[in-house]
């Protein structure tokens, strides 16, 4: 029996959510950190965004969302998911990837 094609995305989501939670907890304590510790935290956050979160979002937009739209027979079915990426990453994960990578 083959695994559903969504399994890699589900596994990614579990890992991504754990990292987002770690960043949330760290951000709550950022005011108590010294400059060097803040720099490390910001570097870690940017590395996570550039290396994991944005590429994952781009893969969803490239692979998962078109498949969902095809299954449902309606391109607009994925609009809420794309809007979620737009809210989180600006004008879509692809354009945000460029701006994040430029920092």
Protein backbone atom coordinates (compact mmCIF):
# COMPACT_ATOMS: atom_id res chain seq x y z
CA UNK A 1 0.00 0.00 0.00
CA UNK A 2 1.41 3.36 -1.04
CA UNK A 3 1.53 6.32 1.33
CA UNK A 4 -0.75 9.22 0.42
CA UNK A 5 1.03 11.92 -1.63
CA UNK A 6 0.28 14.40 1.16
CA UNK A 7 2.40 12.51 3.71
CA UNK A 8 5.62 14.45 2.99
CA UNK A 9 3.76 17.73 3.48
CA UNK A 10 2.19 16.49 6.73
CA UNK A 11 5.60 15.43 8.03
CA UNK A 12 7.05 18.80 7.03
CA UNK A 13 4.22 20.59 8.81
CA UNK A 14 4.92 18.74 12.05
CA UNK A 15 8.60 19.70 11.92
CA UNK A 16 7.88 23.27 10.82
CA UNK A 17 5.31 23.82 13.56
CA UNK A 18 7.79 22.58 16.18
CA UNK A 19 10.39 25.06 14.93
CA UNK A 20 7.86 27.91 14.79
CA UNK A 21 6.97 27.14 18.41
CA UNK A 22 10.66 27.24 19.41
CA UNK A 23 11.00 30.62 17.69
CA UNK A 24 7.85 31.90 19.37
CA UNK A 25 9.22 30.96 22.79
CA UNK A 26 12.60 32.51 21.99
CA UNK A 27 10.98 35.71 20.73
CA UNK A 28 9.09 36.05 24.00
CA UNK A 29 12.45 36.28 25.77
CA UNK A 30 14.31 38.42 23.21
CA UNK A 31 14.15 41.56 25.37
CA UNK A 32 16.16 39.77 28.04
CA UNK A 33 18.92 38.72 25.65
CA UNK A 34 22.18 40.50 25.08
CA UNK A 35 23.14 41.78 21.61
CA UNK A 36 25.17 38.69 20.71
CA UNK A 37 22.37 36.34 21.77
CA UNK A 38 19.85 38.39 19.77
CA UNK A 39 22.09 38.18 16.73
CA UNK A 40 22.22 34.39 17.05
CA UNK A 41 18.43 34.22 17.44
CA UNK A 42 17.83 36.43 14.40
CA UNK A 43 20.34 34.41 12.38
CA UNK A 44 18.59 31.21 13.36
CA UNK A 45 15.18 32.65 12.47
CA UNK A 46 16.38 33.85 9.05
CA UNK A 47 18.06 30.51 8.33
CA UNK A 48 14.80 28.74 9.17
CA UNK A 49 12.79 31.06 6.93
CA UNK A 50 15.22 30.87 4.01
CA UNK A 51 16.12 27.23 4.29
CA UNK A 52 12.91 25.58 5.38
CA UNK A 53 9.71 27.59 5.63
CA UNK A 54 9.81 29.50 2.35
CA UNK A 55 10.95 26.47 0.28
CA UNK A 56 8.18 24.41 1.87
CA UNK A 57 5.59 27.06 0.98
CA UNK A 58 6.90 27.25 -2.57
CA UNK A 59 6.62 23.46 -2.89
CA UNK A 60 3.03 23.59 -1.67
CA UNK A 61 2.20 26.23 -4.27
CA UNK A 62 4.01 24.34 -7.03
CA UNK A 63 2.91 20.74 -6.24
CA UNK A 64 0.15 20.44 -3.68
CA UNK A 65 -2.16 23.33 -4.52
CA UNK A 66 -2.50 22.52 -8.23
CA UNK A 67 -3.22 18.88 -7.33
CA UNK A 68 -5.93 19.95 -4.88
CA UNK A 69 -7.43 22.32 -7.44
CA UNK A 70 -7.47 19.53 -10.05
CA UNK A 71 -9.11 17.07 -7.65
CA UNK A 72 -11.78 19.59 -6.73
CA UNK A 73 -12.18 20.80 -10.29
CA UNK A 74 -11.84 24.42 -9.29
CA UNK A 75 -8.71 26.55 -9.39
CA UNK A 76 -10.21 28.96 -6.87
CA UNK A 77 -10.39 26.14 -4.29
CA UNK A 78 -6.79 26.85 -3.31
CA UNK A 79 -7.26 30.62 -3.06
CA UNK A 80 -7.48 30.61 0.77
CA UNK A 81 -4.22 28.68 1.02
CA UNK A 82 -2.47 31.04 -1.37
CA UNK A 83 -3.86 34.01 0.58
CA UNK A 84 -2.42 32.48 3.74
CA UNK A 85 1.03 32.43 2.13
CA UNK A 86 0.51 35.97 0.89
CA UNK A 87 -0.31 37.17 4.41
CA UNK A 88 2.68 35.36 5.88
CA UNK A 89 5.26 36.10 3.19
CA UNK A 90 4.10 39.27 1.49
CA UNK A 91 3.12 39.01 -2.18
CA UNK A 92 3.46 35.21 -2.23
CA UNK A 93 6.23 32.95 -1.08
CA UNK A 94 8.17 33.23 -4.35
CA UNK A 95 8.57 37.01 -4.13
CA UNK A 96 9.21 36.84 -0.39
CA UNK A 97 11.86 34.24 -0.92
CA UNK A 98 13.77 36.72 -3.02
CA UNK A 99 13.40 39.51 -0.46
CA UNK A 100 14.29 37.25 2.47
CA UNK A 101 17.31 35.84 0.63
CA UNK A 102 18.48 39.39 -0.06
CA UNK A 103 18.85 40.17 3.65
